[in-house]
Amino acid sequence: MRDDKRSGSAGPSRRAMLAACGLIAVGGLSACGDREPEKADPETPAGPPEGSLEWAIAGPWRAADRARDTWRHPLETLRFFGLQPSMTVVDFWPGSGWYTEILAPYLAEGDGEYYAVGFSTAPGADPAQAALNANFEQRFGSDRRLYGEVKFSQFGATTGPVAPAGTADMVLFMRNIHAWMAAGIAEKAFADAFAALRPRGILGVEQHRLGPDQDQDPAAADGYVQEAFVKQLAAEAGFIFEAASEINANPDDTKDHPFGVETLPPRLLTAPLGSPPDPTFDSAPYREIGESDRMTLKFRKPE
C-alpha cells in the first residue's frame, strides 16, 4: 500500500471516501467499517387484533364450537347486521351461548353492553329451560374478565321488558321464531324487541326457512318458517325491512325431514323429540346436508 505522505502525492479527500462507501453500500456490500445488518428472525404471524370481531370469533374459549362456523358464518352474519363494539345488544333466547361466546367478549372489549334474554322461569315453566338458564348464567356470569358484565333478563308469555325501553342498538333473533310460534308468543317477541330498541335500532333475524311454495304450519312444528311470514310479523310490530342476505342459505336442505329441522346437525335427532334415540336410524344423509337453509334478515325501527 502506498504511503501518500512519503510520496508527496495528495491522498483521497474525505468526501470521495464517503462517496465510495455510499456506492459500495448501494451494491449491498459491507464496506468502510460498516457491518452487514443481521437478518431478523421471521416473525410469527400475528392473530386478529384484540377486541376485533375476528378476535372474538377465533378465541380459544370457543374451541368446542368453532366447527359450526362453517355453517353459521358468524363473521359475515354479524357484519351484515352492522354490529359495532360499543353497541347495546339484546340477544333473545341465546340457549347454551353459541353466539354469546362471540358477542359478550367483543362488546366487553368495546365498552358495549350485552343482554342475554333467557327463558321465562315463571310458575309452570319448563324445568329443562330453567336448568339451561341456570347453567348459562353460571357460565357467563362468573368470568367478567372475558365476558364483561352480562345482563340477564327473560322472555316469555308473561314477562315484562327485556331491556330498558329505547336503549338497545341491536336485537337478535337467532333461530327461535319457530319456537315462539309454537308457544303463541311470536308477536310478543317482535313487540318486546321494538320497545327495547332506540329509534333506527336494528333487528337481526336468522331463521330456518320454509320454501315459499310450502304450506306454513301456524305452530311451525318442523322448525321452518316462511320468509314472507317473518317480514309480516316484523311489519306488524312497526319495523321497516332493510335487507336480506343469503349468507346462511343451504340449497341442499329439502326441508322434509322425518323429525323436522332437528333431524339435521347439530341436533341430529333419530326419533321424535321426547322419544328415546333410535340406534337403527341412519343419520348419514342428514350429516351430508349439513345445517338448515336459513334466511338472514335485517330490519330497522323507524325514527
Protein backbone atom coordinates (compact mmCIF):
# COMPACT_ATOMS: atom_id res chain seq x y z
CA MET A 1 0.00 0.00 0.00
CA ARG A 2 1.35 3.39 -0.97
CA ASP A 3 2.25 5.93 1.75
CA ASP A 4 0.83 9.18 0.37
CA LYS A 5 2.76 11.33 2.79
CA ARG A 6 6.09 9.79 1.81
CA SER A 7 5.37 10.04 -1.89
CA GLY A 8 4.24 13.61 -1.67
CA SER A 9 1.02 12.91 -3.56
CA ALA A 10 -2.32 14.09 -2.23
CA GLY A 11 -4.48 11.39 -0.60
CA PRO A 12 -8.17 10.91 -1.43
CA SER A 13 -10.44 13.51 0.08
CA ARG A 14 -12.85 12.59 2.90
CA ARG A 15 -15.76 13.44 0.58
CA ALA A 16 -14.53 10.99 -2.04
CA MET A 17 -14.07 8.25 0.53
CA LEU A 18 -17.62 8.74 1.83
CA ALA A 19 -18.97 8.71 -1.73
CA ALA A 20 -17.17 5.44 -2.41
CA CYS A 21 -18.60 3.93 0.74
CA GLY A 22 -22.04 5.02 -0.38
CA LEU A 23 -21.63 3.38 -3.79
CA ILE A 24 -20.46 0.13 -2.26
CA ALA A 25 -23.33 0.19 0.23
CA VAL A 26 -25.82 0.66 -2.60
CA GLY A 27 -24.46 -2.51 -4.14
CA GLY A 28 -25.36 -4.38 -0.97
CA LEU A 29 -21.74 -4.94 0.25
CA SER A 30 -20.29 -4.24 3.64
CA ALA A 31 -17.64 -1.55 3.46
CA CYS A 32 -15.82 1.23 5.31
CA GLY A 33 -16.08 -0.41 8.69
CA ASP A 34 -19.88 -0.98 8.49
CA ARG A 35 -21.12 -4.47 9.27
CA GLU A 36 -23.94 -6.01 7.28
CA PRO A 37 -27.06 -5.90 9.49
CA GLU A 38 -28.13 -9.24 10.84
CA LYS A 39 -31.28 -10.67 9.36
CA ALA A 40 -34.20 -10.68 11.76
CA ASP A 41 -35.91 -13.93 12.50
CA PRO A 42 -39.20 -14.27 10.67
CA GLU A 43 -41.99 -13.04 12.89
CA THR A 44 -44.72 -15.37 13.99
CA PRO A 45 -47.90 -14.34 12.15
CA ALA A 46 -49.97 -12.17 14.45
CA GLY A 47 -53.55 -13.14 15.23
CA PRO A 48 -56.50 -10.78 14.82
CA PRO A 49 -56.22 -7.53 16.79
CA GLU A 50 -57.50 -7.95 20.32
CA GLY A 51 -61.01 -6.61 20.65
CA SER A 52 -61.89 -7.11 16.99
CA LEU A 53 -64.78 -9.27 15.89
CA GLU A 54 -62.31 -11.64 14.24
CA TRP A 55 -60.52 -11.94 17.60
CA ALA A 56 -63.73 -12.85 19.39
CA ILE A 57 -64.60 -15.47 16.78
CA ALA A 58 -61.10 -17.00 16.87
CA GLY A 59 -60.93 -17.03 20.68
CA PRO A 60 -59.65 -20.23 22.31
CA TRP A 61 -62.68 -20.21 24.62
CA ARG A 62 -64.71 -21.16 21.50
CA ALA A 63 -62.66 -24.26 20.67
CA ALA A 64 -65.60 -26.62 21.09
CA ASP A 65 -67.94 -24.50 18.94
CA ARG A 66 -65.81 -23.32 16.02
CA ALA A 67 -66.71 -26.37 13.93
CA ARG A 68 -70.17 -24.83 13.44
CA ASP A 69 -68.68 -21.64 11.95
CA THR A 70 -68.58 -23.35 8.55
CA TRP A 71 -72.39 -23.43 8.56
CA ARG A 72 -73.27 -20.41 10.69
CA HIS A 73 -70.88 -17.79 9.27
CA PRO A 74 -70.79 -15.62 12.40
CA LEU A 75 -68.40 -13.00 11.00
CA GLU A 76 -70.40 -12.42 7.84
CA THR A 77 -73.74 -12.58 9.65
CA LEU A 78 -72.85 -10.07 12.37
CA ARG A 79 -71.22 -7.73 9.86
CA PHE A 80 -74.36 -7.88 7.73
CA PHE A 81 -76.41 -6.84 10.74
CA GLY A 82 -73.99 -3.94 11.31
CA LEU A 83 -72.66 -4.93 14.72
CA GLN A 84 -70.29 -2.41 16.34
CA PRO A 85 -68.24 -2.90 19.55
CA SER A 86 -69.84 -0.08 21.53
CA MET A 87 -73.43 -1.18 20.91
CA THR A 88 -76.01 -2.35 23.40
CA VAL A 89 -77.13 -5.73 22.06
CA VAL A 90 -80.17 -7.70 23.25
CA ASP A 91 -80.00 -11.41 22.38
CA PHE A 92 -83.29 -13.32 22.70
CA TRP A 93 -83.09 -16.93 23.95
CA PRO A 94 -79.33 -17.46 23.50
CA GLY A 95 -79.67 -21.12 24.51
CA SER A 96 -76.37 -22.57 25.64
CA GLY A 97 -74.50 -19.48 24.41
CA TRP A 98 -73.12 -20.25 20.95
CA TYR A 99 -73.33 -16.60 19.92
CA THR A 100 -72.76 -15.34 23.46
CA GLU A 101 -69.18 -16.64 23.29
CA ILE A 102 -68.61 -14.15 20.47
CA LEU A 103 -70.82 -11.23 21.44
CA ALA A 104 -70.02 -10.91 25.14
CA PRO A 105 -66.19 -10.68 24.81
CA TYR A 106 -66.46 -8.43 21.75
CA LEU A 107 -68.84 -5.99 23.43
CA ALA A 108 -66.92 -6.11 26.73
CA GLU A 109 -63.73 -5.06 24.92
CA GLY A 110 -65.56 -2.26 23.09
CA ASP A 111 -67.43 -0.84 26.11
CA GLY A 112 -70.72 -2.12 24.75
CA GLU A 113 -73.44 -3.95 26.68
CA TYR A 114 -74.83 -7.45 26.20
CA TYR A 115 -78.29 -8.51 27.38
CA ALA A 116 -78.93 -12.26 27.42
CA VAL A 117 -82.69 -12.74 27.36
CA GLY A 118 -83.27 -16.26 28.64
CA PHE A 119 -86.33 -18.44 29.01
CA SER A 120 -89.11 -17.42 31.36
CA THR A 121 -88.93 -19.11 34.77
CA ALA A 122 -92.46 -18.11 35.77
CA PRO A 123 -94.58 -20.73 37.56
CA GLY A 124 -95.25 -23.65 35.23
CA ALA A 125 -92.07 -23.06 33.19
CA ASP A 126 -90.29 -25.98 31.57
CA PRO A 127 -87.75 -27.35 34.11
CA ALA A 128 -85.28 -28.06 31.31
CA GLN A 129 -85.39 -24.42 30.24
CA ALA A 130 -84.92 -23.28 33.83
CA ALA A 131 -81.87 -25.53 34.14
CA LEU A 132 -80.48 -24.16 30.88
CA ASN A 133 -80.93 -20.62 32.21
CA ALA A 134 -79.09 -21.51 35.43
CA ASN A 135 -76.18 -23.12 33.58
CA PHE A 136 -75.97 -20.17 31.20
CA GLU A 137 -75.89 -17.59 34.00
CA GLN A 138 -73.28 -19.56 35.91
CA ARG A 139 -71.05 -19.81 32.86
CA PHE A 140 -71.29 -16.29 31.54
CA GLY A 141 -71.72 -14.51 34.84
CA SER A 142 -68.65 -15.95 36.52
CA ASP A 143 -65.89 -14.69 34.18
CA ARG A 144 -66.21 -10.92 33.94
CA ARG A 145 -62.67 -10.56 32.69
CA LEU A 146 -63.62 -12.34 29.47
CA TYR A 147 -67.36 -11.80 29.12
CA GLY A 148 -67.80 -8.48 30.87
CA GLU A 149 -70.89 -7.78 32.95
CA VAL A 150 -73.56 -9.74 31.11
CA LYS A 151 -77.05 -8.50 31.88
CA PHE A 152 -79.69 -11.21 32.28
CA SER A 153 -83.40 -10.89 31.61
CA GLN A 154 -86.19 -13.21 30.47
CA PHE A 155 -88.74 -13.53 27.71
CA GLY A 156 -91.99 -15.49 27.77
CA ALA A 157 -95.75 -15.13 27.67
CA THR A 158 -95.98 -13.08 30.88
CA THR A 159 -92.57 -11.39 31.11
CA GLY A 160 -92.04 -7.65 31.17
CA PRO A 161 -89.47 -5.54 29.29
CA VAL A 162 -86.37 -7.42 28.13
CA ALA A 163 -84.25 -4.24 28.50
CA PRO A 164 -84.90 -0.59 29.36
CA ALA A 165 -87.14 0.94 26.70
CA GLY A 166 -85.41 2.67 23.81
CA THR A 167 -81.85 1.79 24.87
CA ALA A 168 -80.78 -1.08 22.59
CA ASP A 169 -78.87 -0.56 19.37
CA MET A 170 -79.48 -4.10 18.16
CA VAL A 171 -81.77 -7.02 18.95
CA LEU A 172 -81.01 -10.53 17.72
CA PHE A 173 -83.46 -13.35 16.95
CA MET A 174 -81.20 -16.33 16.16
CA ARG A 175 -83.21 -19.39 15.05
CA ASN A 176 -86.01 -19.04 17.61
CA ILE A 177 -89.09 -17.72 15.82
CA HIS A 178 -90.49 -21.22 15.20
CA ALA A 179 -90.40 -21.91 18.96
CA TRP A 180 -92.25 -18.67 19.68
CA MET A 181 -94.86 -19.56 17.07
CA ALA A 182 -95.39 -22.91 18.77
CA ALA A 183 -95.82 -21.14 22.11
CA GLY A 184 -98.08 -18.43 20.68
CA ILE A 185 -95.70 -15.61 21.62
CA ALA A 186 -94.09 -14.66 18.28
CA GLU A 187 -95.99 -11.37 18.08
CA LYS A 188 -94.93 -10.54 21.65
CA ALA A 189 -91.26 -11.21 20.77
CA PHE A 190 -91.37 -8.65 17.96
CA ALA A 191 -93.24 -6.14 20.13
CA ASP A 192 -90.78 -6.54 23.02
CA ALA A 193 -87.84 -6.12 20.64
CA PHE A 194 -89.39 -2.97 19.15
CA ALA A 195 -89.87 -1.50 22.63
CA ALA A 196 -86.26 -2.19 23.64
CA LEU A 197 -84.71 -0.63 20.55
CA ARG A 198 -83.85 3.02 20.18
CA PRO A 199 -85.05 4.77 17.01
CA ARG A 200 -83.12 3.44 13.99
CA GLY A 201 -82.03 0.43 16.04
CA ILE A 202 -81.55 -2.88 14.20
CA LEU A 203 -83.40 -6.18 14.48
CA GLY A 204 -81.30 -9.03 13.07
CA VAL A 205 -83.09 -12.29 12.27
CA GLU A 206 -81.71 -15.70 11.38
CA GLN A 207 -84.34 -18.42 11.00
CA HIS A 208 -84.81 -21.86 9.40
CA ARG A 209 -86.51 -21.05 6.09
CA LEU A 210 -89.54 -22.77 4.64
CA GLY A 211 -89.89 -22.74 0.88
CA PRO A 212 -92.34 -20.14 -0.49
CA ASP A 213 -94.38 -22.90 -2.15
CA GLN A 214 -94.66 -24.95 1.05
CA ASP A 215 -97.58 -24.64 3.46
CA GLN A 216 -96.85 -22.76 6.67
CA ASP A 217 -97.78 -24.62 9.83
CA PRO A 218 -99.04 -21.91 12.23
CA ALA A 219 -97.13 -23.67 15.03
CA ALA A 220 -94.03 -24.28 12.85
CA ALA A 221 -93.74 -27.75 14.35
CA ASP A 222 -90.96 -28.73 11.92
CA GLY A 223 -88.94 -25.61 12.75
CA TYR A 224 -89.28 -23.95 9.34
CA VAL A 225 -90.90 -20.53 8.75
CA GLN A 226 -91.67 -18.71 5.52
CA GLU A 227 -89.62 -15.58 4.94
CA ALA A 228 -92.73 -13.64 3.96
CA PHE A 229 -94.35 -14.53 7.29
CA VAL A 230 -91.34 -13.24 9.26
CA LYS A 231 -91.47 -9.99 7.30
CA GLN A 232 -95.19 -9.73 8.06
CA LEU A 233 -94.62 -10.20 11.80
CA ALA A 234 -91.92 -7.52 11.74
CA ALA A 235 -94.06 -5.06 9.79
CA GLU A 236 -97.00 -5.56 12.15
CA ALA A 237 -94.71 -4.66 15.05
CA GLY A 238 -93.65 -1.44 13.30
CA PHE A 239 -90.31 -2.48 11.77
CA ILE A 240 -89.05 -1.43 8.35
CA PHE A 241 -87.40 -4.16 6.27
CA GLU A 242 -83.89 -3.17 5.20
CA ALA A 243 -82.10 -6.10 3.56
CA ALA A 244 -81.82 -9.85 3.14
CA SER A 245 -78.70 -11.95 2.74
CA GLU A 246 -78.06 -15.49 1.52
CA ILE A 247 -75.09 -15.88 3.89
CA ASN A 248 -76.75 -18.82 5.65
CA ALA A 249 -78.52 -20.39 2.68
CA ASN A 250 -78.21 -24.14 2.09
CA PRO A 251 -79.79 -25.29 -1.20
CA ASP A 252 -79.25 -28.94 -0.21
CA ASP A 253 -81.81 -28.67 2.58
CA THR A 254 -85.03 -30.30 1.29
CA LYS A 255 -86.95 -29.30 4.46
CA ASP A 256 -88.92 -32.56 4.56
CA HIS A 257 -87.01 -34.43 7.24
CA PRO A 258 -88.68 -37.04 9.46
CA PHE A 259 -88.11 -35.11 12.70
CA GLY A 260 -88.16 -31.63 11.27
CA VAL A 261 -85.15 -29.35 11.24
CA GLU A 262 -83.71 -31.13 14.29
CA THR A 263 -83.00 -34.16 12.07
CA LEU A 264 -80.11 -32.10 10.70
CA PRO A 265 -76.90 -31.14 12.50
CA PRO A 266 -76.13 -30.17 15.14
CA ARG A 267 -79.06 -31.91 16.88
CA LEU A 268 -79.30 -34.97 14.59
CA LEU A 269 -82.46 -36.38 16.13
CA THR A 270 -83.06 -40.06 15.38
CA ALA A 271 -86.58 -40.18 16.85
CA PRO A 272 -89.37 -37.71 17.59
CA LEU A 273 -88.48 -35.08 20.17
CA GLY A 274 -89.01 -36.52 23.63
CA SER A 275 -88.62 -40.14 22.49
CA PRO A 276 -85.58 -42.35 23.08
CA PRO A 277 -82.96 -42.27 20.31
CA ASP A 278 -83.36 -44.88 17.59
CA PRO A 279 -80.00 -46.65 17.07
CA THR A 280 -81.17 -48.03 13.70
CA PHE A 281 -81.85 -44.60 12.20
CA ASP A 282 -79.30 -43.62 9.55
CA SER A 283 -78.20 -40.02 10.13
CA ALA A 284 -75.50 -40.08 7.44
CA PRO A 285 -77.65 -38.42 4.72
CA TYR A 286 -78.53 -35.61 7.10
CA ARG A 287 -74.91 -35.06 8.06
CA GLU A 288 -74.23 -34.68 4.36
CA ILE A 289 -76.90 -31.98 4.04
CA GLY A 290 -75.40 -30.01 6.91
CA GLU A 291 -77.22 -27.33 8.87
CA SER A 292 -80.53 -25.92 7.69
CA ASP A 293 -81.29 -23.45 4.95
CA ARG A 294 -81.77 -20.16 6.81
CA MET A 295 -82.98 -16.68 5.99
CA THR A 296 -80.87 -13.78 7.28
CA LEU A 297 -82.89 -10.57 7.52
CA LYS A 298 -82.22 -7.05 8.72
CA PHE A 299 -84.98 -4.72 9.96
CA ARG A 300 -84.85 -1.20 11.40
CA LYS A 301 -87.00 0.64 13.92
CA PRO A 302 -88.08 3.93 12.31
CA GLU A 303 -87.38 7.36 13.73
